[in-house]
């Protein structure tokens, strides 16, 4: 092996080590000092590798808290790797059917630590803005119908822990204090599905319902995003019924 290839292998090993440390560590991410201490790398080397990973979107840097977290591209890789016998493959036909029946944008979200990640989506006849954007995009749990629909059916202690952890991040969204997130959770538990009528993104509505595992714990959600201008009496209830029928099929495949 040449000197250059040996150096490249060592660099790759170090990058993989840092990714592993961040993935296995605090959901809020890790500071440079923490990663230096855990990895045994010197500060300059660690900082240089972290910046490279941020540049490739494999990591995200929270400048306010000075922490590194897994980046959007890691979620995209995870979503693509999940195709096969996993959640995405079980939901592909449901997403396609829902899109065909309604012409709306449909999406599959899943929990990852304190975030809700878009694993798959089908764009509707009218392209609409969504909180997560493309596949691999994420929002903190508590923001958006897909996220709220999962959060609403966790136990109270876990809800409190997640909302405390995400309080500052939720403040970055339009009109979304933690108190409002709690109200949305209660409304969703009563209704059975989450709804947003243009509150987070003006003119954009959403409906979502949780997908549960065999233990009854919400692990994902299926939802619609559509224009508020298309709202008619009974539309939300109709979309919720369509989601319920597809989720029943998906859950039976667990």
C-alpha atoms as a PDB file:
ATOM      1  CA  UNK A   1       0.000   0.000   0.000  1.00  0.00           C
ATOM      2  CA  UNK A   2       1.363   3.452  -0.906  1.00  0.00           C
ATOM      3  CA  UNK A   3       1.821   6.224   1.645  1.00  0.00           C
ATOM      4  CA  UNK A   4      -1.032   8.221   0.099  1.00  0.00           C
ATOM      5  CA  UNK A   5      -3.467   5.305   0.146  1.00  0.00           C
ATOM      6  CA  UNK A   6      -2.496   4.495   3.736  1.00  0.00           C
ATOM      7  CA  UNK A   7      -3.183   8.121   4.667  1.00  0.00           C
ATOM      8  CA  UNK A   8      -6.506   8.001   2.903  1.00  0.00           C
ATOM      9  CA  UNK A   9      -7.478   4.846   4.744  1.00  0.00           C
ATOM     10  CA  UNK A  10      -6.519   6.421   8.063  1.00  0.00           C
ATOM     11  CA  UNK A  11      -8.576   9.528   7.276  1.00  0.00           C
ATOM     12  CA  UNK A  12     -11.579   7.390   6.400  1.00  0.00           C
ATOM     13  CA  UNK A  13     -11.199   5.422   9.636  1.00  0.00           C
ATOM     14  CA  UNK A  14     -11.111   8.650  11.638  1.00  0.00           C
ATOM     15  CA  UNK A  15     -14.157  10.084   9.857  1.00  0.00           C
ATOM     16  CA  UNK A  16     -16.082   6.850  10.470  1.00  0.00           C
ATOM     17  CA  UNK A  17     -15.070   6.954  14.139  1.00  0.00           C
ATOM     18  CA  UNK A  18     -16.414  10.494  14.535  1.00  0.00           C
ATOM     19  CA  UNK A  19     -19.661   9.596  12.773  1.00  0.00           C
ATOM     20  CA  UNK A  20     -20.085   6.591  15.073  1.00  0.00           C
ATOM     21  CA  UNK A  21     -19.440   8.680  18.180  1.00  0.00           C
ATOM     22  CA  UNK A  22     -22.028  11.258  17.149  1.00  0.00           C
ATOM     23  CA  UNK A  23     -24.600   8.657  16.072  1.00  0.00           C
ATOM     24  CA  UNK A  24     -24.256   6.721  19.344  1.00  0.00           C
ATOM     25  CA  UNK A  25     -24.058   9.749  21.612  1.00  0.00           C
ATOM     26  CA  UNK A  26     -26.334  12.495  22.893  1.00  0.00           C
ATOM     27  CA  UNK A  27     -29.299  13.162  20.558  1.00  0.00           C
ATOM     28  CA  UNK A  28     -28.486  16.868  20.925  1.00  0.00           C
ATOM     29  CA  UNK A  29     -25.104  16.246  19.313  1.00  0.00           C
ATOM     30  CA  UNK A  30     -21.521  16.521  20.537  1.00  0.00           C
ATOM     31  CA  UNK A  31     -19.094  19.401  20.977  1.00  0.00           C
ATOM     32  CA  UNK A  32     -15.621  19.498  19.462  1.00  0.00           C
ATOM     33  CA  UNK A  33     -14.073  19.020  22.909  1.00  0.00           C
ATOM     34  CA  UNK A  34     -16.244  15.984  23.623  1.00  0.00           C
ATOM     35  CA  UNK A  35     -15.285  14.411  20.300  1.00  0.00           C
ATOM     36  CA  UNK A  36     -11.580  15.120  20.846  1.00  0.00           C
ATOM     37  CA  UNK A  37     -11.752  13.473  24.267  1.00  0.00           C
ATOM     38  CA  UNK A  38     -13.681  10.440  23.007  1.00  0.00           C
ATOM     39  CA  UNK A  39     -11.744   9.899  19.790  1.00  0.00           C
ATOM     40  CA  UNK A  40      -8.213  10.569  21.027  1.00  0.00           C
ATOM     41  CA  UNK A  41      -7.587  12.784  17.977  1.00  0.00           C
ATOM     42  CA  UNK A  42      -5.869  16.123  18.371  1.00  0.00           C
ATOM     43  CA  UNK A  43      -8.091  19.193  18.163  1.00  0.00           C
ATOM     44  CA  UNK A  44      -6.873  20.429  14.775  1.00  0.00           C
ATOM     45  CA  UNK A  45      -7.321  17.042  13.071  1.00  0.00           C
ATOM     46  CA  UNK A  46     -10.720  16.470  14.634  1.00  0.00           C
ATOM     47  CA  UNK A  47     -11.909  19.957  13.658  1.00  0.00           C
ATOM     48  CA  UNK A  48     -10.689  19.536  10.067  1.00  0.00           C
ATOM     49  CA  UNK A  49     -12.480  16.178   9.619  1.00  0.00           C
ATOM     50  CA  UNK A  50     -15.677  17.499  11.182  1.00  0.00           C
ATOM     51  CA  UNK A  51     -15.699  20.498   8.841  1.00  0.00           C
ATOM     52  CA  UNK A  52     -15.220  18.201   5.847  1.00  0.00           C
ATOM     53  CA  UNK A  53     -18.160  16.030   6.969  1.00  0.00           C
ATOM     54  CA  UNK A  54     -20.286  19.153   7.427  1.00  0.00           C
ATOM     55  CA  UNK A  55     -19.347  20.262   3.919  1.00  0.00           C
ATOM     56  CA  UNK A  56     -20.633  16.963   2.544  1.00  0.00           C
ATOM     57  CA  UNK A  57     -23.820  17.253   4.667  1.00  0.00           C
ATOM     58  CA  UNK A  58     -22.938  14.066   6.533  1.00  0.00           C
ATOM     59  CA  UNK A  59     -22.920  16.190   9.682  1.00  0.00           C
ATOM     60  CA  UNK A  60     -24.770  19.358  10.635  1.00  0.00           C
ATOM     61  CA  UNK A  61     -23.222  21.996  12.871  1.00  0.00           C
ATOM     62  CA  UNK A  62     -25.388  23.927  15.326  1.00  0.00           C
ATOM     63  CA  UNK A  63     -23.377  27.139  15.632  1.00  0.00           C
ATOM     64  CA  UNK A  64     -25.521  28.438  18.489  1.00  0.00           C
ATOM     65  CA  UNK A  65     -24.933  25.395  20.708  1.00  0.00           C
ATOM     66  CA  UNK A  66     -21.541  24.536  19.146  1.00  0.00           C
ATOM     67  CA  UNK A  67     -22.600  20.927  18.611  1.00  0.00           C
ATOM     68  CA  UNK A  68     -22.328  18.487  15.720  1.00  0.00           C
ATOM     69  CA  UNK A  69     -25.240  16.216  14.765  1.00  0.00           C
ATOM     70  CA  UNK A  70     -25.881  13.752  11.945  1.00  0.00           C
ATOM     71  CA  UNK A  71     -26.615  15.631   8.742  1.00  0.00           C
ATOM     72  CA  UNK A  72     -29.395  15.434   6.177  1.00  0.00           C
ATOM     73  CA  UNK A  73     -27.399  13.237   3.801  1.00  0.00           C
ATOM     74  CA  UNK A  74     -27.095  10.543   6.488  1.00  0.00           C
ATOM     75  CA  UNK A  75     -30.878  10.403   6.704  1.00  0.00           C
ATOM     76  CA  UNK A  76     -31.097  10.138   2.925  1.00  0.00           C
ATOM     77  CA  UNK A  77     -28.660   7.227   2.960  1.00  0.00           C
ATOM     78  CA  UNK A  78     -30.646   5.605   5.746  1.00  0.00           C
ATOM     79  CA  UNK A  79     -33.880   6.028   3.827  1.00  0.00           C
ATOM     80  CA  UNK A  80     -32.393   4.466   0.714  1.00  0.00           C
ATOM     81  CA  UNK A  81     -30.876   1.617   2.724  1.00  0.00           C
ATOM     82  CA  UNK A  82     -34.288   0.934   4.243  1.00  0.00           C
ATOM     83  CA  UNK A  83     -35.737   0.092   0.839  1.00  0.00           C
ATOM     84  CA  UNK A  84     -36.258  -3.658   0.771  1.00  0.00           C
ATOM     85  CA  UNK A  85     -37.999  -5.567   3.541  1.00  0.00           C
ATOM     86  CA  UNK A  86     -38.266  -2.444   5.764  1.00  0.00           C
ATOM     87  CA  UNK A  87     -40.790   0.291   6.464  1.00  0.00           C
ATOM     88  CA  UNK A  88     -40.363   2.118   3.162  1.00  0.00           C
ATOM     89  CA  UNK A  89     -41.114  -0.952   1.059  1.00  0.00           C
ATOM     90  CA  UNK A  90     -44.225  -1.691   3.156  1.00  0.00           C
ATOM     91  CA  UNK A  91     -45.508   1.826   2.549  1.00  0.00           C
ATOM     92  CA  UNK A  92     -44.622   2.362  -1.130  1.00  0.00           C
ATOM     93  CA  UNK A  93     -47.919   1.089  -2.526  1.00  0.00           C
ATOM     94  CA  UNK A  94     -49.923   3.046   0.051  1.00  0.00           C
ATOM     95  CA  UNK A  95     -48.154   6.284  -0.866  1.00  0.00           C
ATOM     96  CA  UNK A  96     -48.797   5.642  -4.552  1.00  0.00           C
ATOM     97  CA  UNK A  97     -52.488   4.790  -4.003  1.00  0.00           C
ATOM     98  CA  UNK A  98     -53.113   7.835  -1.823  1.00  0.00           C
ATOM     99  CA  UNK A  99     -51.461  10.096  -4.356  1.00  0.00           C
ATOM    100  CA  UNK A 100     -53.476   8.566  -7.221  1.00  0.00           C
ATOM    101  CA  UNK A 101     -56.805   8.825  -5.360  1.00  0.00           C
ATOM    102  CA  UNK A 102     -56.365  12.453  -4.282  1.00  0.00           C
ATOM    103  CA  UNK A 103     -53.725  14.059  -6.510  1.00  0.00           C
ATOM    104  CA  UNK A 104     -52.091  15.387  -3.322  1.00  0.00           C
ATOM    105  CA  UNK A 105     -48.515  15.173  -2.081  1.00  0.00           C
ATOM    106  CA  UNK A 106     -48.151  12.157   0.211  1.00  0.00           C
ATOM    107  CA  UNK A 107     -45.285  11.452   2.560  1.00  0.00           C
ATOM    108  CA  UNK A 108     -43.907   8.917   4.993  1.00  0.00           C
ATOM    109  CA  UNK A 109     -42.220  10.259   8.125  1.00  0.00           C
ATOM    110  CA  UNK A 110     -40.316   8.349  10.802  1.00  0.00           C
ATOM    111  CA  UNK A 111     -38.849   9.077  14.226  1.00  0.00           C
ATOM    112  CA  UNK A 112     -35.098   9.431  14.697  1.00  0.00           C
ATOM    113  CA  UNK A 113     -34.158  10.481  18.228  1.00  0.00           C
ATOM    114  CA  UNK A 114     -35.914  13.842  18.690  1.00  0.00           C
ATOM    115  CA  UNK A 115     -36.557  14.406  14.987  1.00  0.00           C
ATOM    116  CA  UNK A 116     -39.127  13.490  12.377  1.00  0.00           C
ATOM    117  CA  UNK A 117     -37.520  12.534   9.050  1.00  0.00           C
ATOM    118  CA  UNK A 118     -39.052  12.255   5.601  1.00  0.00           C
ATOM    119  CA  UNK A 119     -38.340   8.691   4.432  1.00  0.00           C
ATOM    120  CA  UNK A 120     -40.392   8.796   1.241  1.00  0.00           C
ATOM    121  CA  UNK A 121     -42.864  11.006  -0.625  1.00  0.00           C
ATOM    122  CA  UNK A 122     -44.921  11.280  -3.789  1.00  0.00           C
ATOM    123  CA  UNK A 123     -45.374  14.790  -5.199  1.00  0.00           C
ATOM    124  CA  UNK A 124     -48.919  15.778  -6.049  1.00  0.00           C
ATOM    125  CA  UNK A 125     -50.377  17.417  -9.137  1.00  0.00           C
ATOM    126  CA  UNK A 126     -49.569  20.787  -7.545  1.00  0.00           C
ATOM    127  CA  UNK A 127     -46.078  21.003  -6.058  1.00  0.00           C
ATOM    128  CA  UNK A 128     -46.398  22.395  -2.532  1.00  0.00           C
ATOM    129  CA  UNK A 129     -43.890  23.572   0.041  1.00  0.00           C
ATOM    130  CA  UNK A 130     -43.361  21.171   2.937  1.00  0.00           C
ATOM    131  CA  UNK A 131     -41.520  21.587   6.246  1.00  0.00           C
ATOM    132  CA  UNK A 132     -39.037  18.819   5.496  1.00  0.00           C
ATOM    133  CA  UNK A 133     -38.569  19.479   1.778  1.00  0.00           C
ATOM    134  CA  UNK A 134     -37.226  16.437  -0.065  1.00  0.00           C
ATOM    135  CA  UNK A 135     -36.586  12.904   1.158  1.00  0.00           C
ATOM    136  CA  UNK A 136     -34.102  13.004   4.029  1.00  0.00           C
ATOM    137  CA  UNK A 137     -35.287  16.369   5.339  1.00  0.00           C
ATOM    138  CA  UNK A 138     -36.129  16.581   9.019  1.00  0.00           C
ATOM    139  CA  UNK A 139     -37.912  18.703  11.626  1.00  0.00           C
ATOM    140  CA  UNK A 140     -37.909  18.481  15.420  1.00  0.00           C
ATOM    141  CA  UNK A 141     -40.672  16.329  16.874  1.00  0.00           C
ATOM    142  CA  UNK A 142     -43.477  18.764  17.647  1.00  0.00           C
ATOM    143  CA  UNK A 143     -43.356  20.632  14.326  1.00  0.00           C
ATOM    144  CA  UNK A 144     -45.875  19.665  11.637  1.00  0.00           C
ATOM    145  CA  UNK A 145     -48.707  17.114  11.438  1.00  0.00           C
ATOM    146  CA  UNK A 146     -46.485  14.110  10.655  1.00  0.00           C
ATOM    147  CA  UNK A 147     -44.388  14.862  13.705  1.00  0.00           C
ATOM    148  CA  UNK A 148     -47.310  15.675  16.029  1.00  0.00           C
ATOM    149  CA  UNK A 149     -49.198  12.540  14.998  1.00  0.00           C
ATOM    150  CA  UNK A 150     -46.310  10.403  16.300  1.00  0.00           C
ATOM    151  CA  UNK A 151     -45.588  12.504  19.383  1.00  0.00           C
ATOM    152  CA  UNK A 152     -49.238  12.549  20.466  1.00  0.00           C
ATOM    153  CA  UNK A 153     -49.387   8.802  21.074  1.00  0.00           C
ATOM    154  CA  UNK A 154     -46.168   8.380  23.069  1.00  0.00           C
ATOM    155  CA  UNK A 155     -46.401   8.142  26.845  1.00  0.00           C
ATOM    156  CA  UNK A 156     -46.516  11.396  28.771  1.00  0.00           C
ATOM    157  CA  UNK A 157     -43.012  11.117  30.234  1.00  0.00           C
ATOM    158  CA  UNK A 158     -41.457  10.680  26.797  1.00  0.00           C
ATOM    159  CA  UNK A 159     -43.511  13.565  25.393  1.00  0.00           C
ATOM    160  CA  UNK A 160     -42.279  15.854  28.165  1.00  0.00           C
ATOM    161  CA  UNK A 161     -38.666  14.804  27.639  1.00  0.00           C
ATOM    162  CA  UNK A 162     -38.823  15.396  23.868  1.00  0.00           C
ATOM    163  CA  UNK A 163     -40.558  18.767  24.105  1.00  0.00           C
ATOM    164  CA  UNK A 164     -38.078  19.987  26.722  1.00  0.00           C
ATOM    165  CA  UNK A 165     -35.209  18.931  24.458  1.00  0.00           C
ATOM    166  CA  UNK A 166     -36.807  20.551  21.380  1.00  0.00           C
ATOM    167  CA  UNK A 167     -38.159  23.737  22.995  1.00  0.00           C
ATOM    168  CA  UNK A 168     -35.524  26.072  21.531  1.00  0.00           C
ATOM    169  CA  UNK A 169     -35.745  24.495  18.066  1.00  0.00           C
ATOM    170  CA  UNK A 170     -39.547  24.738  17.977  1.00  0.00           C
ATOM    171  CA  UNK A 171     -39.168  28.453  18.587  1.00  0.00           C
ATOM    172  CA  UNK A 172     -37.592  28.738  15.138  1.00  0.00           C
ATOM    173  CA  UNK A 173     -40.943  27.878  13.528  1.00  0.00           C
ATOM    174  CA  UNK A 174     -43.799  30.251  12.824  1.00  0.00           C
ATOM    175  CA  UNK A 175     -46.104  30.578  15.863  1.00  0.00           C
ATOM    176  CA  UNK A 176     -45.036  27.348  17.555  1.00  0.00           C
ATOM    177  CA  UNK A 177     -44.342  27.809  21.268  1.00  0.00           C
ATOM    178  CA  UNK A 178     -44.160  24.635  23.344  1.00  0.00           C
ATOM    179  CA  UNK A 179     -47.563  25.458  24.861  1.00  0.00           C
ATOM    180  CA  UNK A 180     -49.122  25.263  21.404  1.00  0.00           C
ATOM    181  CA  UNK A 181     -47.392  21.938  20.714  1.00  0.00           C
ATOM    182  CA  UNK A 182     -49.053  20.553  23.853  1.00  0.00           C
ATOM    183  CA  UNK A 183     -52.447  21.792  22.625  1.00  0.00           C
ATOM    184  CA  UNK A 184     -51.908  20.130  19.246  1.00  0.00           C
ATOM    185  CA  UNK A 185     -50.941  16.890  20.992  1.00  0.00           C
ATOM    186  CA  UNK A 186     -54.161  16.857  23.023  1.00  0.00           C
ATOM    187  CA  UNK A 187     -56.311  17.649  19.979  1.00  0.00           C
ATOM    188  CA  UNK A 188     -54.578  14.908  17.988  1.00  0.00           C
ATOM    189  CA  UNK A 189     -55.093  12.293  20.708  1.00  0.00           C
ATOM    190  CA  UNK A 190     -58.814  13.068  20.735  1.00  0.00           C
ATOM    191  CA  UNK A 191     -59.183  13.205  16.957  1.00  0.00           C
ATOM    192  CA  UNK A 192     -56.842  10.316  16.121  1.00  0.00           C
ATOM    193  CA  UNK A 193     -54.859  12.292  13.540  1.00  0.00           C
ATOM    194  CA  UNK A 194     -52.987  15.602  13.307  1.00  0.00           C
ATOM    195  CA  UNK A 195     -54.073  18.606  11.261  1.00  0.00           C
ATOM    196  CA  UNK A 196     -52.422  21.882  10.294  1.00  0.00           C
ATOM    197  CA  UNK A 197     -54.402  24.404   8.264  1.00  0.00           C
ATOM    198  CA  UNK A 198     -51.853  26.970   7.179  1.00  0.00           C
ATOM    199  CA  UNK A 199     -50.461  27.700  10.641  1.00  0.00           C
ATOM    200  CA  UNK A 200     -46.836  26.724  10.014  1.00  0.00           C
ATOM    201  CA  UNK A 201     -46.627  27.536   6.304  1.00  0.00           C
ATOM    202  CA  UNK A 202     -49.205  30.103   5.130  1.00  0.00           C
ATOM    203  CA  UNK A 203     -51.543  28.602   2.547  1.00  0.00           C
ATOM    204  CA  UNK A 204     -50.357  25.012   3.099  1.00  0.00           C
ATOM    205  CA  UNK A 205     -52.408  22.388   4.966  1.00  0.00           C
ATOM    206  CA  UNK A 206     -51.505  18.950   6.220  1.00  0.00           C
ATOM    207  CA  UNK A 207     -53.126  15.833   7.670  1.00  0.00           C
ATOM    208  CA  UNK A 208     -51.178  12.917   9.148  1.00  0.00           C
ATOM    209  CA  UNK A 209     -51.790   9.740  11.122  1.00  0.00           C
ATOM    210  CA  UNK A 210     -49.342   7.543  13.082  1.00  0.00           C
ATOM    211  CA  UNK A 211     -48.130   4.090  12.050  1.00  0.00           C
ATOM    212  CA  UNK A 212     -47.573   1.864  15.089  1.00  0.00           C
ATOM    213  CA  UNK A 213     -45.379  -1.153  15.671  1.00  0.00           C
ATOM    214  CA  UNK A 214     -46.546  -4.449  17.151  1.00  0.00           C
ATOM    215  CA  UNK A 215     -46.325  -2.972  20.656  1.00  0.00           C
ATOM    216  CA  UNK A 216     -48.606  -0.097  19.683  1.00  0.00           C
ATOM    217  CA  UNK A 217     -45.826   2.504  19.747  1.00  0.00           C
ATOM    218  CA  UNK A 218     -45.848   5.101  16.929  1.00  0.00           C
ATOM    219  CA  UNK A 219     -42.712   4.737  14.809  1.00  0.00           C
ATOM    220  CA  UNK A 220     -43.770   6.577  11.658  1.00  0.00           C
ATOM    221  CA  UNK A 221     -46.612   8.537  10.093  1.00  0.00           C
ATOM    222  CA  UNK A 222     -48.422   8.737   6.780  1.00  0.00           C
ATOM    223  CA  UNK A 223     -49.782  12.072   5.620  1.00  0.00           C
ATOM    224  CA  UNK A 224     -50.991  14.524   2.989  1.00  0.00           C
ATOM    225  CA  UNK A 225     -49.816  18.068   2.242  1.00  0.00           C
ATOM    226  CA  UNK A 226     -52.095  20.266   0.119  1.00  0.00           C
ATOM    227  CA  UNK A 227     -53.188  23.835  -0.581  1.00  0.00           C
ATOM    228  CA  UNK A 228     -55.517  25.478   1.939  1.00  0.00           C
ATOM    229  CA  UNK A 229     -57.402  26.866  -1.055  1.00  0.00           C
ATOM    230  CA  UNK A 230     -58.619  23.314  -1.818  1.00  0.00           C
ATOM    231  CA  UNK A 231     -60.331  22.960   1.560  1.00  0.00           C
ATOM    232  CA  UNK A 232     -63.991  21.953   1.335  1.00  0.00           C
ATOM    233  CA  UNK A 233     -66.344  20.666   4.055  1.00  0.00           C
ATOM    234  CA  UNK A 234     -65.426  17.118   4.996  1.00  0.00           C
ATOM    235  CA  UNK A 235     -62.123  17.090   3.065  1.00  0.00           C
ATOM    236  CA  UNK A 236     -59.907  16.582   6.117  1.00  0.00           C
ATOM    237  CA  UNK A 237     -62.155  13.812   7.437  1.00  0.00           C
ATOM    238  CA  UNK A 238     -62.124  12.112   4.043  1.00  0.00           C
ATOM    239  CA  UNK A 239     -58.331  12.263   3.840  1.00  0.00           C
ATOM    240  CA  UNK A 240     -58.064  10.898   7.394  1.00  0.00           C
ATOM    241  CA  UNK A 241     -60.297   7.946   6.436  1.00  0.00           C
ATOM    242  CA  UNK A 242     -58.069   7.190   3.439  1.00  0.00           C
ATOM    243  CA  UNK A 243     -54.991   7.287   5.667  1.00  0.00           C
ATOM    244  CA  UNK A 244     -56.647   5.011   8.218  1.00  0.00           C
ATOM    245  CA  UNK A 245     -57.464   2.383   5.586  1.00  0.00           C
ATOM    246  CA  UNK A 246     -53.891   2.331   4.263  1.00  0.00           C
ATOM    247  CA  UNK A 247     -52.301   2.313   7.722  1.00  0.00           C
ATOM    248  CA  UNK A 248     -54.459  -0.664   8.694  1.00  0.00           C
ATOM    249  CA  UNK A 249     -52.918  -2.537   5.759  1.00  0.00           C
ATOM    250  CA  UNK A 250     -49.391  -1.425   6.629  1.00  0.00           C
ATOM    251  CA  UNK A 251     -49.708  -2.385  10.301  1.00  0.00           C
ATOM    252  CA  UNK A 252     -50.972  -5.836   9.390  1.00  0.00           C
ATOM    253  CA  UNK A 253     -47.673  -6.359   7.525  1.00  0.00           C
ATOM    254  CA  UNK A 254     -45.597  -5.772  10.703  1.00  0.00           C
END
